[in-house]
C-alpha cells in the first residue's frame, strides 16, 4: 500500500482461503464416504469479508495482514490488485490461513479453522502504524498479532471495532479486543448471560451487537434498552449458505455508522446485508452493494 490513500476503514488481520464442502446434512452420518457436490475454494475469512463488504458499500477500505509466500497468498495479492482494494502484507513461513467449512442444505455450517500462525506471533508495527493515521476507523480482527495495533489506534484517536465471534465470555485471548474497541460484535452462540454487561463494564464500548444467526441480532447501547432486530426473509431469495453473514453484517453496520446513521439505523441496514449474503452459495460471493442496500432499505 503506497501513496497518499485516505481510508474510511482500515482492517487489520483476517484474510485467508475457505474450502466449502456442501454436505447432505449436519451432523454427518457415521460412514466412510459421503457423496458431495463439487468442492470449491474462495478468498475469505473475517477481515476480508469486512474489507470487501465496505468496499462494495462505497467506502475506501484497506487491509493489512500476515499471509504466506504460497499459492494461497499469491491468490490473495492478485485478487486485491484486481479489486483495487489497498493491501499491505507481511509474509510468514507458517503460510496463509485456511478453513474447511461444511455447509448443510439449510445453510447451516461447521467451520474447521486452520489459523497456522504460531501463538504469540508479533510483527513490525509499521505494518499498520502509518495507515492508522490515514484512516477514519480501524477494524481489528482477533488475530494474535493484531492486538498490538489496538494501542496504536487508541493513541491516534481513531474509532475501533472488533468481532469476537463465538467468544465464551471467559477466554483471555479476546479480552484485549473486547475492552479496547468502541464497537464490539459478538456471537450469542457461546456468550454467557453476563457477557455483554462485562464488555460494557470493563471496556470502552459505546455499543455491543450480539449476533444470533436465525434469531437476528441484539443491539446493546450503553445506557439504553436492548433492541432486537429479527432476521429478514428476502422475497425470492432463500437462504442457502450462512458463510460470511456476520462479516456482511459488520461491514454494513460500519458503513452506516461512518455515514452518520443512528445505531438502530446501522443495525437495520446490517440485518438486511447479512440476510442478502446468505442467499448465494460460497463465502463472500455476493456481498451487498450500496445501491442494493439503499433499495432494500427503502422497501423494508
C-alpha atoms as a PDB file:
ATOM      1  CA  UNK A   1       0.000   0.000   0.000  1.00  0.00           C
ATOM      2  CA  UNK A   2       1.673   3.168  -1.158  1.00  0.00           C
ATOM      3  CA  UNK A   3       0.815   6.786  -1.831  1.00  0.00           C
ATOM      4  CA  UNK A   4      -1.481   9.266  -0.086  1.00  0.00           C
ATOM      5  CA  UNK A   5      -4.505   6.965   0.243  1.00  0.00           C
ATOM      6  CA  UNK A   6      -7.171   8.218   2.618  1.00  0.00           C
ATOM      7  CA  UNK A   7      -9.057   5.291   4.134  1.00  0.00           C
ATOM      8  CA  UNK A   8     -12.533   5.196   5.592  1.00  0.00           C
ATOM      9  CA  UNK A   9     -11.814   1.794   7.162  1.00  0.00           C
ATOM     10  CA  UNK A  10      -8.521   0.036   7.820  1.00  0.00           C
ATOM     11  CA  UNK A  11      -8.972  -3.674   8.556  1.00  0.00           C
ATOM     12  CA  UNK A  12      -6.165  -5.323  10.493  1.00  0.00           C
ATOM     13  CA  UNK A  13      -5.903  -9.077  10.037  1.00  0.00           C
ATOM     14  CA  UNK A  14      -8.178 -11.846   8.861  1.00  0.00           C
ATOM     15  CA  UNK A  15      -7.794 -12.853   5.209  1.00  0.00           C
ATOM     16  CA  UNK A  16      -7.475 -16.477   4.112  1.00  0.00           C
ATOM     17  CA  UNK A  17      -8.887 -19.250   1.952  1.00  0.00           C
ATOM     18  CA  UNK A  18     -12.126 -21.182   2.515  1.00  0.00           C
ATOM     19  CA  UNK A  19     -12.796 -24.641   1.139  1.00  0.00           C
ATOM     20  CA  UNK A  20     -16.559 -25.190   1.023  1.00  0.00           C
ATOM     21  CA  UNK A  21     -17.986 -28.709   1.133  1.00  0.00           C
ATOM     22  CA  UNK A  22     -21.755 -28.896   0.657  1.00  0.00           C
ATOM     23  CA  UNK A  23     -22.877 -31.916   2.681  1.00  0.00           C
ATOM     24  CA  UNK A  24     -26.293 -33.632   2.776  1.00  0.00           C
ATOM     25  CA  UNK A  25     -26.795 -32.929   6.483  1.00  0.00           C
ATOM     26  CA  UNK A  26     -25.173 -31.766   9.724  1.00  0.00           C
ATOM     27  CA  UNK A  27     -24.036 -33.610  11.714  1.00  0.00           C
ATOM     28  CA  UNK A  28     -22.622 -36.029   9.182  1.00  0.00           C
ATOM     29  CA  UNK A  29     -23.581 -39.668   9.186  1.00  0.00           C
ATOM     30  CA  UNK A  30     -21.028 -42.061  10.669  1.00  0.00           C
ATOM     31  CA  UNK A  31     -19.927 -43.591   7.355  1.00  0.00           C
ATOM     32  CA  UNK A  32     -16.665 -43.904   5.406  1.00  0.00           C
ATOM     33  CA  UNK A  33     -17.739 -41.914   2.334  1.00  0.00           C
ATOM     34  CA  UNK A  34     -20.202 -39.053   1.822  1.00  0.00           C
ATOM     35  CA  UNK A  35     -21.005 -38.023  -1.784  1.00  0.00           C
ATOM     36  CA  UNK A  36     -20.993 -34.220  -2.091  1.00  0.00           C
ATOM     37  CA  UNK A  37     -21.387 -31.501  -4.677  1.00  0.00           C
ATOM     38  CA  UNK A  38     -18.244 -30.086  -6.352  1.00  0.00           C
ATOM     39  CA  UNK A  39     -15.889 -28.718  -3.694  1.00  0.00           C
ATOM     40  CA  UNK A  40     -14.962 -25.048  -4.195  1.00  0.00           C
ATOM     41  CA  UNK A  41     -12.422 -22.654  -2.674  1.00  0.00           C
ATOM     42  CA  UNK A  42     -12.960 -18.958  -2.024  1.00  0.00           C
ATOM     43  CA  UNK A  43     -10.967 -15.959  -0.885  1.00  0.00           C
ATOM     44  CA  UNK A  44     -12.497 -15.442   2.530  1.00  0.00           C
ATOM     45  CA  UNK A  45     -12.220 -15.081   6.324  1.00  0.00           C
ATOM     46  CA  UNK A  46     -13.449 -12.356   8.603  1.00  0.00           C
ATOM     47  CA  UNK A  47     -11.141  -9.445   7.787  1.00  0.00           C
ATOM     48  CA  UNK A  48     -11.558  -9.964   4.067  1.00  0.00           C
ATOM     49  CA  UNK A  49     -15.341 -10.035   4.420  1.00  0.00           C
ATOM     50  CA  UNK A  50     -15.353  -6.719   6.264  1.00  0.00           C
ATOM     51  CA  UNK A  51     -12.904  -5.067   3.846  1.00  0.00           C
ATOM     52  CA  UNK A  52     -14.712  -6.326   0.730  1.00  0.00           C
ATOM     53  CA  UNK A  53     -18.122  -5.548   2.201  1.00  0.00           C
ATOM     54  CA  UNK A  54     -17.103  -1.971   2.995  1.00  0.00           C
ATOM     55  CA  UNK A  55     -15.569  -1.612  -0.481  1.00  0.00           C
ATOM     56  CA  UNK A  56     -18.803  -2.713  -2.184  1.00  0.00           C
ATOM     57  CA  UNK A  57     -20.761  -0.311   0.020  1.00  0.00           C
ATOM     58  CA  UNK A  58     -18.746   2.600  -1.346  1.00  0.00           C
ATOM     59  CA  UNK A  59     -16.138   3.018   1.379  1.00  0.00           C
ATOM     60  CA  UNK A  60     -12.425   3.324   0.798  1.00  0.00           C
ATOM     61  CA  UNK A  61     -11.275   0.247   2.697  1.00  0.00           C
ATOM     62  CA  UNK A  62      -7.836  -1.285   3.040  1.00  0.00           C
ATOM     63  CA  UNK A  63      -6.419  -4.354   4.744  1.00  0.00           C
ATOM     64  CA  UNK A  64      -3.114  -5.300   6.363  1.00  0.00           C
ATOM     65  CA  UNK A  65      -2.281  -8.857   7.364  1.00  0.00           C
ATOM     66  CA  UNK A  66       0.207 -11.678   7.735  1.00  0.00           C
ATOM     67  CA  UNK A  67      -0.016 -14.281   4.960  1.00  0.00           C
ATOM     68  CA  UNK A  68       2.215 -16.929   3.429  1.00  0.00           C
ATOM     69  CA  UNK A  69       4.514 -16.914   0.419  1.00  0.00           C
ATOM     70  CA  UNK A  70       2.397 -19.717  -1.021  1.00  0.00           C
ATOM     71  CA  UNK A  71      -0.238 -20.180  -3.758  1.00  0.00           C
ATOM     72  CA  UNK A  72      -2.981 -19.064  -1.357  1.00  0.00           C
ATOM     73  CA  UNK A  73      -1.092 -15.881  -0.506  1.00  0.00           C
ATOM     74  CA  UNK A  74      -0.462 -15.201  -4.194  1.00  0.00           C
ATOM     75  CA  UNK A  75      -4.190 -15.581  -4.839  1.00  0.00           C
ATOM     76  CA  UNK A  76      -4.944 -13.021  -2.139  1.00  0.00           C
ATOM     77  CA  UNK A  77      -2.490 -10.473  -3.525  1.00  0.00           C
ATOM     78  CA  UNK A  78      -3.708 -10.978  -7.090  1.00  0.00           C
ATOM     79  CA  UNK A  79      -7.377 -10.652  -6.117  1.00  0.00           C
ATOM     80  CA  UNK A  80      -6.841  -7.474  -4.102  1.00  0.00           C
ATOM     81  CA  UNK A  81      -4.973  -5.916  -7.020  1.00  0.00           C
ATOM     82  CA  UNK A  82      -7.888  -6.808  -9.320  1.00  0.00           C
ATOM     83  CA  UNK A  83     -10.436  -5.410  -6.865  1.00  0.00           C
ATOM     84  CA  UNK A  84      -8.445  -2.215  -6.338  1.00  0.00           C
ATOM     85  CA  UNK A  85      -8.502  -2.641  -2.543  1.00  0.00           C
ATOM     86  CA  UNK A  86      -5.256  -1.469  -0.894  1.00  0.00           C
ATOM     87  CA  UNK A  87      -3.395  -4.382   0.679  1.00  0.00           C
ATOM     88  CA  UNK A  88      -0.213  -4.470   2.719  1.00  0.00           C
ATOM     89  CA  UNK A  89       1.169  -7.770   3.995  1.00  0.00           C
ATOM     90  CA  UNK A  90       3.982  -9.461   5.867  1.00  0.00           C
ATOM     91  CA  UNK A  91       4.959 -12.922   4.599  1.00  0.00           C
ATOM     92  CA  UNK A  92       5.415 -15.614   7.229  1.00  0.00           C
ATOM     93  CA  UNK A  93       6.739 -19.172   6.726  1.00  0.00           C
ATOM     94  CA  UNK A  94       3.735 -20.705   8.516  1.00  0.00           C
ATOM     95  CA  UNK A  95       1.635 -19.878   5.468  1.00  0.00           C
ATOM     96  CA  UNK A  96      -1.769 -18.445   4.694  1.00  0.00           C
ATOM     97  CA  UNK A  97      -4.717 -19.225   6.989  1.00  0.00           C
ATOM     98  CA  UNK A  98      -7.262 -21.730   5.708  1.00  0.00           C
ATOM     99  CA  UNK A  99     -10.624 -23.129   6.654  1.00  0.00           C
ATOM    100  CA  UNK A 100     -12.745 -26.090   5.596  1.00  0.00           C
ATOM    101  CA  UNK A 101     -16.446 -25.348   6.012  1.00  0.00           C
ATOM    102  CA  UNK A 102     -19.167 -27.977   5.842  1.00  0.00           C
ATOM    103  CA  UNK A 103     -22.480 -26.466   4.680  1.00  0.00           C
ATOM    104  CA  UNK A 104     -25.861 -28.187   5.065  1.00  0.00           C
ATOM    105  CA  UNK A 105     -28.769 -27.712   2.611  1.00  0.00           C
ATOM    106  CA  UNK A 106     -30.457 -25.270   5.004  1.00  0.00           C
ATOM    107  CA  UNK A 107     -27.350 -23.054   5.034  1.00  0.00           C
ATOM    108  CA  UNK A 108     -26.021 -24.068   8.448  1.00  0.00           C
ATOM    109  CA  UNK A 109     -22.268 -24.571   8.572  1.00  0.00           C
ATOM    110  CA  UNK A 110     -19.483 -26.170  10.555  1.00  0.00           C
ATOM    111  CA  UNK A 111     -16.129 -24.422  10.192  1.00  0.00           C
ATOM    112  CA  UNK A 112     -12.776 -26.098  10.754  1.00  0.00           C
ATOM    113  CA  UNK A 113     -10.318 -23.229  11.036  1.00  0.00           C
ATOM    114  CA  UNK A 114      -6.576 -23.634  10.460  1.00  0.00           C
ATOM    115  CA  UNK A 115      -5.002 -20.458  11.858  1.00  0.00           C
ATOM    116  CA  UNK A 116      -1.458 -21.752  11.113  1.00  0.00           C
ATOM    117  CA  UNK A 117       0.393 -18.836  12.668  1.00  0.00           C
ATOM    118  CA  UNK A 118       2.302 -19.631  15.868  1.00  0.00           C
ATOM    119  CA  UNK A 119       0.851 -18.429  19.163  1.00  0.00           C
ATOM    120  CA  UNK A 120       2.322 -15.119  20.225  1.00  0.00           C
ATOM    121  CA  UNK A 121       3.266 -14.099  16.676  1.00  0.00           C
ATOM    122  CA  UNK A 122       4.401 -10.470  16.551  1.00  0.00           C
ATOM    123  CA  UNK A 123       5.241  -8.349  13.501  1.00  0.00           C
ATOM    124  CA  UNK A 124       6.753  -4.929  12.870  1.00  0.00           C
ATOM    125  CA  UNK A 125       4.035  -2.421  13.884  1.00  0.00           C
ATOM    126  CA  UNK A 126       4.942  -0.304  10.881  1.00  0.00           C
ATOM    127  CA  UNK A 127       2.714  -2.736   9.001  1.00  0.00           C
ATOM    128  CA  UNK A 128      -0.217  -0.649  10.255  1.00  0.00           C
ATOM    129  CA  UNK A 129       1.020   2.484  12.040  1.00  0.00           C
ATOM    130  CA  UNK A 130       1.327   4.801   9.015  1.00  0.00           C
ATOM    131  CA  UNK A 131      -2.082   3.667   7.765  1.00  0.00           C
ATOM    132  CA  UNK A 132      -3.917   4.130  11.054  1.00  0.00           C
ATOM    133  CA  UNK A 133      -3.073   7.825  10.846  1.00  0.00           C
ATOM    134  CA  UNK A 134      -4.714   7.941   7.403  1.00  0.00           C
ATOM    135  CA  UNK A 135      -7.853   6.013   8.357  1.00  0.00           C
ATOM    136  CA  UNK A 136     -11.074   7.267   9.905  1.00  0.00           C
ATOM    137  CA  UNK A 137     -11.920   3.927  11.506  1.00  0.00           C
ATOM    138  CA  UNK A 138      -9.931   0.797  12.401  1.00  0.00           C
ATOM    139  CA  UNK A 139     -11.457  -2.686  12.487  1.00  0.00           C
ATOM    140  CA  UNK A 140      -9.205  -5.136  14.319  1.00  0.00           C
ATOM    141  CA  UNK A 141      -9.674  -8.870  13.777  1.00  0.00           C
ATOM    142  CA  UNK A 142      -8.848 -11.143  16.699  1.00  0.00           C
ATOM    143  CA  UNK A 143      -5.547 -12.349  15.244  1.00  0.00           C
ATOM    144  CA  UNK A 144      -2.914 -12.598  17.982  1.00  0.00           C
ATOM    145  CA  UNK A 145      -0.521 -10.205  16.214  1.00  0.00           C
ATOM    146  CA  UNK A 146      -3.297  -7.650  15.659  1.00  0.00           C
ATOM    147  CA  UNK A 147      -3.770  -6.943  19.363  1.00  0.00           C
ATOM    148  CA  UNK A 148      -0.626  -4.789  19.183  1.00  0.00           C
ATOM    149  CA  UNK A 149      -2.491  -2.411  16.863  1.00  0.00           C
ATOM    150  CA  UNK A 150      -5.167  -1.619  19.435  1.00  0.00           C
ATOM    151  CA  UNK A 151      -2.991   0.765  21.438  1.00  0.00           C
ATOM    152  CA  UNK A 152      -1.801   2.496  18.273  1.00  0.00           C
ATOM    153  CA  UNK A 153      -5.385   3.089  17.145  1.00  0.00           C
ATOM    154  CA  UNK A 154      -6.316   4.469  20.574  1.00  0.00           C
ATOM    155  CA  UNK A 155      -3.252   6.730  20.585  1.00  0.00           C
ATOM    156  CA  UNK A 156      -4.236   8.034  17.146  1.00  0.00           C
ATOM    157  CA  UNK A 157      -7.766   8.743  18.451  1.00  0.00           C
ATOM    158  CA  UNK A 158      -9.410   6.516  15.882  1.00  0.00           C
ATOM    159  CA  UNK A 159     -12.680   4.721  16.467  1.00  0.00           C
ATOM    160  CA  UNK A 160     -12.177   0.958  16.755  1.00  0.00           C
ATOM    161  CA  UNK A 161     -14.360  -2.072  16.156  1.00  0.00           C
ATOM    162  CA  UNK A 162     -13.815  -5.804  16.536  1.00  0.00           C
ATOM    163  CA  UNK A 163     -15.720  -9.056  16.072  1.00  0.00           C
ATOM    164  CA  UNK A 164     -15.217 -11.503  18.956  1.00  0.00           C
ATOM    165  CA  UNK A 165     -17.062 -14.270  17.060  1.00  0.00           C
ATOM    166  CA  UNK A 166     -18.040 -17.187  19.337  1.00  0.00           C
ATOM    167  CA  UNK A 167     -16.393 -15.824  22.485  1.00  0.00           C
ATOM    168  CA  UNK A 168     -17.390 -17.658  25.645  1.00  0.00           C
ATOM    169  CA  UNK A 169     -17.032 -14.571  27.823  1.00  0.00           C
ATOM    170  CA  UNK A 170     -14.025 -16.060  29.623  1.00  0.00           C
ATOM    171  CA  UNK A 171     -11.237 -16.756  27.115  1.00  0.00           C
ATOM    172  CA  UNK A 172      -8.455 -14.269  27.828  1.00  0.00           C
ATOM    173  CA  UNK A 173      -7.405 -14.142  24.160  1.00  0.00           C
ATOM    174  CA  UNK A 174     -10.430 -11.993  23.314  1.00  0.00           C
ATOM    175  CA  UNK A 175     -10.381  -9.593  26.257  1.00  0.00           C
ATOM    176  CA  UNK A 176      -7.906  -7.042  24.881  1.00  0.00           C
ATOM    177  CA  UNK A 177     -10.054  -6.701  21.769  1.00  0.00           C
ATOM    178  CA  UNK A 178     -13.278  -6.551  23.783  1.00  0.00           C
ATOM    179  CA  UNK A 179     -12.069  -3.800  26.111  1.00  0.00           C
ATOM    180  CA  UNK A 180     -10.189  -1.622  23.584  1.00  0.00           C
ATOM    181  CA  UNK A 181     -12.961  -1.309  20.976  1.00  0.00           C
ATOM    182  CA  UNK A 182     -15.693   1.300  20.691  1.00  0.00           C
ATOM    183  CA  UNK A 183     -17.974  -1.058  18.738  1.00  0.00           C
ATOM    184  CA  UNK A 184     -17.972  -4.750  19.643  1.00  0.00           C
ATOM    185  CA  UNK A 185     -19.646  -7.501  17.636  1.00  0.00           C
ATOM    186  CA  UNK A 186     -20.017 -10.936  19.212  1.00  0.00           C
ATOM    187  CA  UNK A 187     -21.952 -14.124  18.565  1.00  0.00           C
ATOM    188  CA  UNK A 188     -24.541 -15.194  21.130  1.00  0.00           C
ATOM    189  CA  UNK A 189     -23.700 -18.858  20.465  1.00  0.00           C
ATOM    190  CA  UNK A 190     -21.355 -19.309  23.435  1.00  0.00           C
ATOM    191  CA  UNK A 191     -21.745 -15.960  25.201  1.00  0.00           C
ATOM    192  CA  UNK A 192     -22.852 -16.187  28.857  1.00  0.00           C
ATOM    193  CA  UNK A 193     -25.758 -14.119  30.141  1.00  0.00           C
ATOM    194  CA  UNK A 194     -23.373 -11.544  31.615  1.00  0.00           C
ATOM    195  CA  UNK A 195     -21.099 -11.361  28.557  1.00  0.00           C
ATOM    196  CA  UNK A 196     -22.370  -8.091  27.123  1.00  0.00           C
ATOM    197  CA  UNK A 197     -22.521  -6.495  30.562  1.00  0.00           C
ATOM    198  CA  UNK A 198     -18.872  -7.480  31.129  1.00  0.00           C
ATOM    199  CA  UNK A 199     -17.800  -5.755  27.910  1.00  0.00           C
ATOM    200  CA  UNK A 200     -19.675  -2.553  28.745  1.00  0.00           C
ATOM    201  CA  UNK A 201     -18.432  -2.547  32.337  1.00  0.00           C
ATOM    202  CA  UNK A 202     -14.774  -3.242  31.574  1.00  0.00           C
ATOM    203  CA  UNK A 203     -14.181  -1.598  28.196  1.00  0.00           C
ATOM    204  CA  UNK A 204     -14.570   1.493  26.051  1.00  0.00           C
ATOM    205  CA  UNK A 205     -17.513   0.267  24.006  1.00  0.00           C
ATOM    206  CA  UNK A 206     -20.487   2.531  23.389  1.00  0.00           C
ATOM    207  CA  UNK A 207     -22.314  -0.293  21.639  1.00  0.00           C
ATOM    208  CA  UNK A 208     -22.228  -4.092  21.630  1.00  0.00           C
ATOM    209  CA  UNK A 209     -24.021  -6.071  18.948  1.00  0.00           C
ATOM    210  CA  UNK A 210     -24.830  -9.679  19.869  1.00  0.00           C
ATOM    211  CA  UNK A 211     -25.467 -11.646  16.680  1.00  0.00           C
ATOM    212  CA  UNK A 212     -27.822 -14.608  16.943  1.00  0.00           C
ATOM    213  CA  UNK A 213     -27.994 -16.195  13.490  1.00  0.00           C
ATOM    214  CA  UNK A 214     -31.561 -17.015  12.501  1.00  0.00           C
ATOM    215  CA  UNK A 215     -32.796 -15.025  15.514  1.00  0.00           C
ATOM    216  CA  UNK A 216     -31.237 -11.833  14.134  1.00  0.00           C
ATOM    217  CA  UNK A 217     -29.235  -9.555  16.423  1.00  0.00           C
ATOM    218  CA  UNK A 218     -29.465  -7.636  19.681  1.00  0.00           C
ATOM    219  CA  UNK A 219     -28.296  -4.032  19.905  1.00  0.00           C
ATOM    220  CA  UNK A 220     -26.904  -3.028  23.303  1.00  0.00           C
ATOM    221  CA  UNK A 221     -26.219   0.704  23.524  1.00  0.00           C
ATOM    222  CA  UNK A 222     -24.701   1.946  26.762  1.00  0.00           C
ATOM    223  CA  UNK A 223     -27.440   3.346  28.995  1.00  0.00           C
ATOM    224  CA  UNK A 224     -30.301   2.305  26.684  1.00  0.00           C
ATOM    225  CA  UNK A 225     -32.790  -0.548  26.468  1.00  0.00           C
ATOM    226  CA  UNK A 226     -31.734  -3.554  24.404  1.00  0.00           C
ATOM    227  CA  UNK A 227     -33.264  -3.679  20.922  1.00  0.00           C
ATOM    228  CA  UNK A 228     -33.888  -6.858  18.944  1.00  0.00           C
ATOM    229  CA  UNK A 229     -33.544  -6.868  15.155  1.00  0.00           C
ATOM    230  CA  UNK A 230     -35.100 -10.059  13.749  1.00  0.00           C
ATOM    231  CA  UNK A 231     -33.556 -11.727  10.720  1.00  0.00           C
ATOM    232  CA  UNK A 232     -35.230 -10.719   7.461  1.00  0.00           C
ATOM    233  CA  UNK A 233     -36.568 -13.072   4.803  1.00  0.00           C
ATOM    234  CA  UNK A 234     -35.966 -11.595   1.364  1.00  0.00           C
ATOM    235  CA  UNK A 235     -38.619 -12.316  -1.303  1.00  0.00           C
ATOM    236  CA  UNK A 236     -37.460 -14.910  -3.866  1.00  0.00           C
ATOM    237  CA  UNK A 237     -34.032 -15.174  -2.183  1.00  0.00           C
ATOM    238  CA  UNK A 238     -33.989 -18.300   0.029  1.00  0.00           C
ATOM    239  CA  UNK A 239     -31.147 -18.913   2.478  1.00  0.00           C
ATOM    240  CA  UNK A 240     -28.600 -21.380   1.067  1.00  0.00           C
ATOM    241  CA  UNK A 241     -25.304 -20.590   2.826  1.00  0.00           C
ATOM    242  CA  UNK A 242     -24.581 -18.653   6.034  1.00  0.00           C
ATOM    243  CA  UNK A 243     -20.806 -18.387   5.452  1.00  0.00           C
ATOM    244  CA  UNK A 244     -19.772 -14.752   5.813  1.00  0.00           C
ATOM    245  CA  UNK A 245     -23.122 -13.447   7.054  1.00  0.00           C
ATOM    246  CA  UNK A 246     -21.557 -11.951  10.183  1.00  0.00           C
ATOM    247  CA  UNK A 247     -18.905 -10.160   8.125  1.00  0.00           C
ATOM    248  CA  UNK A 248     -21.609  -8.730   5.854  1.00  0.00           C
ATOM    249  CA  UNK A 249     -23.426  -7.505   8.962  1.00  0.00           C
ATOM    250  CA  UNK A 250     -20.296  -5.817  10.327  1.00  0.00           C
ATOM    251  CA  UNK A 251     -19.462  -4.126   7.024  1.00  0.00           C
ATOM    252  CA  UNK A 252     -22.926  -2.643   6.589  1.00  0.00           C
ATOM    253  CA  UNK A 253     -23.110  -1.564  10.229  1.00  0.00           C
ATOM    254  CA  UNK A 254     -19.781   0.270   9.890  1.00  0.00           C
ATOM    255  CA  UNK A 255     -20.777   1.829   6.572  1.00  0.00           C
ATOM    256  CA  UNK A 256     -23.945   3.319   8.055  1.00  0.00           C
ATOM    257  CA  UNK A 257     -22.148   4.340  11.268  1.00  0.00           C
ATOM    258  CA  UNK A 258     -19.480   6.207   9.286  1.00  0.00           C
ATOM    259  CA  UNK A 259     -22.241   7.851   7.259  1.00  0.00           C
ATOM    260  CA  UNK A 260     -23.659   9.329  10.461  1.00  0.00           C
ATOM    261  CA  UNK A 261     -26.623   6.986  10.927  1.00  0.00           C
ATOM    262  CA  UNK A 262     -28.037   6.151  14.339  1.00  0.00           C
ATOM    263  CA  UNK A 263     -27.199   2.846  15.973  1.00  0.00           C
ATOM    264  CA  UNK A 264     -30.651   1.369  15.184  1.00  0.00           C
ATOM    265  CA  UNK A 265     -30.380   2.515  11.559  1.00  0.00           C
ATOM    266  CA  UNK A 266     -26.974   0.856  11.325  1.00  0.00           C
ATOM    267  CA  UNK A 267     -28.330  -2.374  12.831  1.00  0.00           C
ATOM    268  CA  UNK A 268     -31.292  -2.441  10.448  1.00  0.00           C
ATOM    269  CA  UNK A 269     -29.054  -1.986   7.408  1.00  0.00           C
ATOM    270  CA  UNK A 270     -26.681  -4.638   8.755  1.00  0.00           C
ATOM    271  CA  UNK A 271     -29.564  -7.091   9.153  1.00  0.00           C
ATOM    272  CA  UNK A 272     -30.522  -6.612   5.508  1.00  0.00           C
ATOM    273  CA  UNK A 273     -26.925  -7.054   4.371  1.00  0.00           C
ATOM    274  CA  UNK A 274     -26.499 -10.258   6.392  1.00  0.00           C
ATOM    275  CA  UNK A 275     -29.718 -11.716   5.009  1.00  0.00           C
ATOM    276  CA  UNK A 276     -28.649 -10.861   1.452  1.00  0.00           C
ATOM    277  CA  UNK A 277     -25.305 -12.612   1.896  1.00  0.00           C
ATOM    278  CA  UNK A 278     -26.997 -15.885   2.899  1.00  0.00           C
ATOM    279  CA  UNK A 279     -28.813 -16.239  -0.423  1.00  0.00           C
ATOM    280  CA  UNK A 280     -25.776 -17.222  -2.508  1.00  0.00           C
ATOM    281  CA  UNK A 281     -23.526 -20.255  -2.205  1.00  0.00           C
ATOM    282  CA  UNK A 282     -19.909 -19.721  -1.119  1.00  0.00           C
ATOM    283  CA  UNK A 283     -18.137 -17.222   1.115  1.00  0.00           C
ATOM    284  CA  UNK A 284     -18.351 -13.501   0.288  1.00  0.00           C
ATOM    285  CA  UNK A 285     -19.505 -14.278  -3.259  1.00  0.00           C
ATOM    286  CA  UNK A 286     -22.400 -11.826  -3.254  1.00  0.00           C
ATOM    287  CA  UNK A 287     -21.984  -9.161  -0.583  1.00  0.00           C
ATOM    288  CA  UNK A 288     -24.493  -6.374  -0.957  1.00  0.00           C
ATOM    289  CA  UNK A 289     -23.695  -3.169  -2.858  1.00  0.00           C
ATOM    290  CA  UNK A 290     -24.577   0.342  -1.755  1.00  0.00           C
ATOM    291  CA  UNK A 291     -27.262   0.565  -4.445  1.00  0.00           C
ATOM    292  CA  UNK A 292     -28.916  -2.731  -3.488  1.00  0.00           C
ATOM    293  CA  UNK A 293     -28.833  -1.874   0.212  1.00  0.00           C
ATOM    294  CA  UNK A 294     -30.416   1.520  -0.428  1.00  0.00           C
ATOM    295  CA  UNK A 295     -33.205  -0.130  -2.425  1.00  0.00           C
ATOM    296  CA  UNK A 296     -33.855  -2.764   0.240  1.00  0.00           C
ATOM    297  CA  UNK A 297     -33.856  -0.109   2.968  1.00  0.00           C
ATOM    298  CA  UNK A 298     -36.475   1.938   1.085  1.00  0.00           C
ATOM    299  CA  UNK A 299     -38.661  -1.137   0.617  1.00  0.00           C
ATOM    300  CA  UNK A 300     -38.232  -2.563   4.138  1.00  0.00           C
END
